[in-house]
C-alpha atoms as a PDB file:
ATOM      1  CA  MET A   1     333.816 -15.275 181.373  1.00  0.00           C
ATOM      2  CA  GLN A   2     330.549 -14.672 179.544  1.00  0.00           C
ATOM      3  CA  ILE A   3     330.739 -12.786 176.237  1.00  0.00           C
ATOM      4  CA  PRO A   4     328.713  -9.532 176.390  1.00  0.00           C
ATOM      5  CA  PHE A   5     325.613  -9.307 174.207  1.00  0.00           C
ATOM      6  CA  VAL A   6     326.981  -6.559 171.936  1.00  0.00           C
ATOM      7  CA  THR A   7     330.231  -8.468 171.359  1.00  0.00           C
ATOM      8  CA  SER A   8     328.344 -11.652 170.458  1.00  0.00           C
ATOM      9  CA  ILE A   9     326.193  -9.756 167.933  1.00  0.00           C
ATOM     10  CA  ILE A  10     329.296  -8.152 166.399  1.00  0.00           C
ATOM     11  CA  GLN A  11     330.953 -11.571 166.096  1.00  0.00           C
ATOM     12  CA  LYS A  12     327.888 -13.064 164.380  1.00  0.00           C
ATOM     13  CA  LEU A  13     327.613 -10.181 161.919  1.00  0.00           C
ATOM     14  CA  ALA A  14     331.349 -10.278 161.218  1.00  0.00           C
ATOM     15  CA  ASP A  15     331.107 -13.989 160.351  1.00  0.00           C
ATOM     16  CA  GLU A  16     328.309 -13.220 157.892  1.00  0.00           C
ATOM     17  CA  ILE A  17     330.320 -10.554 156.047  1.00  0.00           C
ATOM     18  CA  GLY A  18     333.710 -12.258 156.233  1.00  0.00           C
ATOM     19  CA  ALA A  19     335.263  -9.912 158.785  1.00  0.00           C
ATOM     20  CA  VAL A  20     337.521 -10.997 161.647  1.00  0.00           C
ATOM     21  CA  VAL A  21     336.933  -9.882 165.250  1.00  0.00           C
ATOM     22  CA  LEU A  22     339.749  -9.783 167.799  1.00  0.00           C
ATOM     23  CA  VAL A  23     338.416  -9.482 171.366  1.00  0.00           C
ATOM     24  CA  ASP A  24     340.542  -8.736 174.428  1.00  0.00           C
ATOM     25  CA  PRO A  25     340.217 -11.892 176.569  1.00  0.00           C
ATOM     26  CA  GLU A  26     340.342  -9.919 179.831  1.00  0.00           C
ATOM     27  CA  CYS A  27     337.964  -7.192 178.702  1.00  0.00           C
ATOM     28  CA  THR A  28     335.475  -8.916 176.404  1.00  0.00           C
ATOM     29  CA  PHE A  29     333.420  -5.827 175.576  1.00  0.00           C
ATOM     30  CA  VAL A  30     336.377  -4.345 173.637  1.00  0.00           C
ATOM     31  CA  GLY A  31     337.535  -5.494 170.224  1.00  0.00           C
ATOM     32  CA  LEU A  32     338.969  -4.829 166.800  1.00  0.00           C
ATOM     33  CA  ILE A  33     337.073  -5.646 163.606  1.00  0.00           C
ATOM     34  CA  THR A  34     339.138  -6.267 160.462  1.00  0.00           C
ATOM     35  CA  PHE A  35     337.075  -6.186 157.272  1.00  0.00           C
ATOM     36  CA  LYS A  36     337.843  -8.121 154.064  1.00  0.00           C
ATOM     37  CA  ASN A  37     339.164  -4.957 152.411  1.00  0.00           C
ATOM     38  CA  GLY A  38     341.711  -4.481 155.235  1.00  0.00           C
ATOM     39  CA  ASN A  39     339.937  -1.621 157.013  1.00  0.00           C
ATOM     40  CA  LYS A  40     339.931  -1.862 160.802  1.00  0.00           C
ATOM     41  CA  THR A  41     337.701  -0.356 163.433  1.00  0.00           C
ATOM     42  CA  PHE A  42     337.761  -0.620 167.219  1.00  0.00           C
ATOM     43  CA  PHE A  43     334.696  -0.984 169.383  1.00  0.00           C
ATOM     44  CA  ARG A  44     334.017  -0.698 173.089  1.00  0.00           C
ATOM     45  CA  ASN A  45     330.507  -1.824 174.032  1.00  0.00           C
ATOM     46  CA  SER A  46     328.395  -0.204 171.317  1.00  0.00           C
ATOM     47  CA  ILE A  47     330.830   2.666 170.657  1.00  0.00           C
ATOM     48  CA  PHE A  48     332.726   2.324 167.392  1.00  0.00           C
ATOM     49  CA  SER A  49     335.723   4.325 166.197  1.00  0.00           C
ATOM     50  CA  LEU A  50     333.726   5.874 163.380  1.00  0.00           C
ATOM     51  CA  ASN A  51     334.392   9.275 164.908  1.00  0.00           C
ATOM     52  CA  SER A  52     337.394   8.206 167.041  1.00  0.00           C
ATOM     53  CA  SER A  53     335.393   7.765 170.275  1.00  0.00           C
ATOM     54  CA  GLY A  54     335.925   3.997 170.294  1.00  0.00           C
ATOM     55  CA  SER A  55     339.656   4.427 169.767  1.00  0.00           C
ATOM     56  CA  VAL A  56     339.855   7.116 172.450  1.00  0.00           C
ATOM     57  CA  ALA A  57     338.031   4.877 174.950  1.00  0.00           C
ATOM     58  CA  ILE A  58     340.481   2.051 174.225  1.00  0.00           C
ATOM     59  CA  ALA A  59     343.519   4.348 174.435  1.00  0.00           C
ATOM     60  CA  LYS A  60     342.452   5.471 177.922  1.00  0.00           C
ATOM     61  CA  ASP A  61     342.530   1.857 179.149  1.00  0.00           C
ATOM     62  CA  LYS A  62     346.224   0.958 179.376  1.00  0.00           C
ATOM     63  CA  GLY A  63     345.625  -2.789 179.767  1.00  0.00           C
ATOM     64  CA  VAL A  64     343.460  -2.978 176.664  1.00  0.00           C
ATOM     65  CA  SER A  65     345.837  -0.697 174.739  1.00  0.00           C
ATOM     66  CA  SER A  66     348.803  -2.927 175.493  1.00  0.00           C
ATOM     67  CA  PHE A  67     346.853  -6.042 174.392  1.00  0.00           C
ATOM     68  CA  PHE A  68     346.012  -4.572 170.989  1.00  0.00           C
ATOM     69  CA  LEU A  69     349.419  -2.965 170.442  1.00  0.00           C
ATOM     70  CA  ASN A  70     351.056  -6.315 171.180  1.00  0.00           C
ATOM     71  CA  ARG A  71     348.690  -8.189 168.818  1.00  0.00           C
ATOM     72  CA  LEU A  72     349.353  -5.620 166.085  1.00  0.00           C
ATOM     73  CA  GLY A  73     353.098  -6.299 166.341  1.00  0.00           C
ATOM     74  CA  TYR A  74     354.313  -3.413 168.499  1.00  0.00           C
ATOM     75  CA  LYS A  75     356.783  -4.012 171.297  1.00  0.00           C
ATOM     76  CA  ILE A  76     355.322  -3.178 174.679  1.00  0.00           C
ATOM     77  CA  PRO A  77     356.902  -3.173 178.133  1.00  0.00           C
ATOM     78  CA  GLU A  78     356.229  -6.251 180.224  1.00  0.00           C
ATOM     79  CA  GLY A  79     354.080  -5.787 183.276  1.00  0.00           C
ATOM     80  CA  LYS A  80     350.853  -6.680 184.976  1.00  0.00           C
ATOM     81  CA  HIS A  81     347.523  -4.899 184.779  1.00  0.00           C
ATOM     82  CA  PHE A  82     345.866  -3.722 187.952  1.00  0.00           C
ATOM     83  CA  LEU A  83     342.974  -1.588 189.113  1.00  0.00           C
ATOM     84  CA  LEU A  84     343.067   1.022 191.807  1.00  0.00           C
ATOM     85  CA  LYS A  85     340.991   0.143 194.868  1.00  0.00           C
ATOM     86  CA  ASN A  86     338.460   2.919 194.202  1.00  0.00           C
ATOM     87  CA  TYR A  87     337.782   1.443 190.705  1.00  0.00           C
ATOM     88  CA  VAL A  88     336.991  -2.081 191.933  1.00  0.00           C
ATOM     89  CA  LYS A  89     333.327  -2.852 192.602  1.00  0.00           C
ATOM     90  CA  LYS A  90     332.616  -3.656 196.232  1.00  0.00           C
END
């Protein structure tokens, strides 16, 4: 899967400032940036959680939410992710 442009720019900038970027492998336009000082911020495309919109967008996507909760050490129920037929591009 090709990395989206915005995600690739975020990864390059994070490398320059010593931050770490965690990207959901199934949804590569969503990620979590951890800065050297320990602060964290989520992003989805070019929306950051500076005013909680990035976090809200991630929370609405149950597959992405479970990925990050699991990576942050929370126990999550096992299951598979799926899309409803009317959400899948034809």
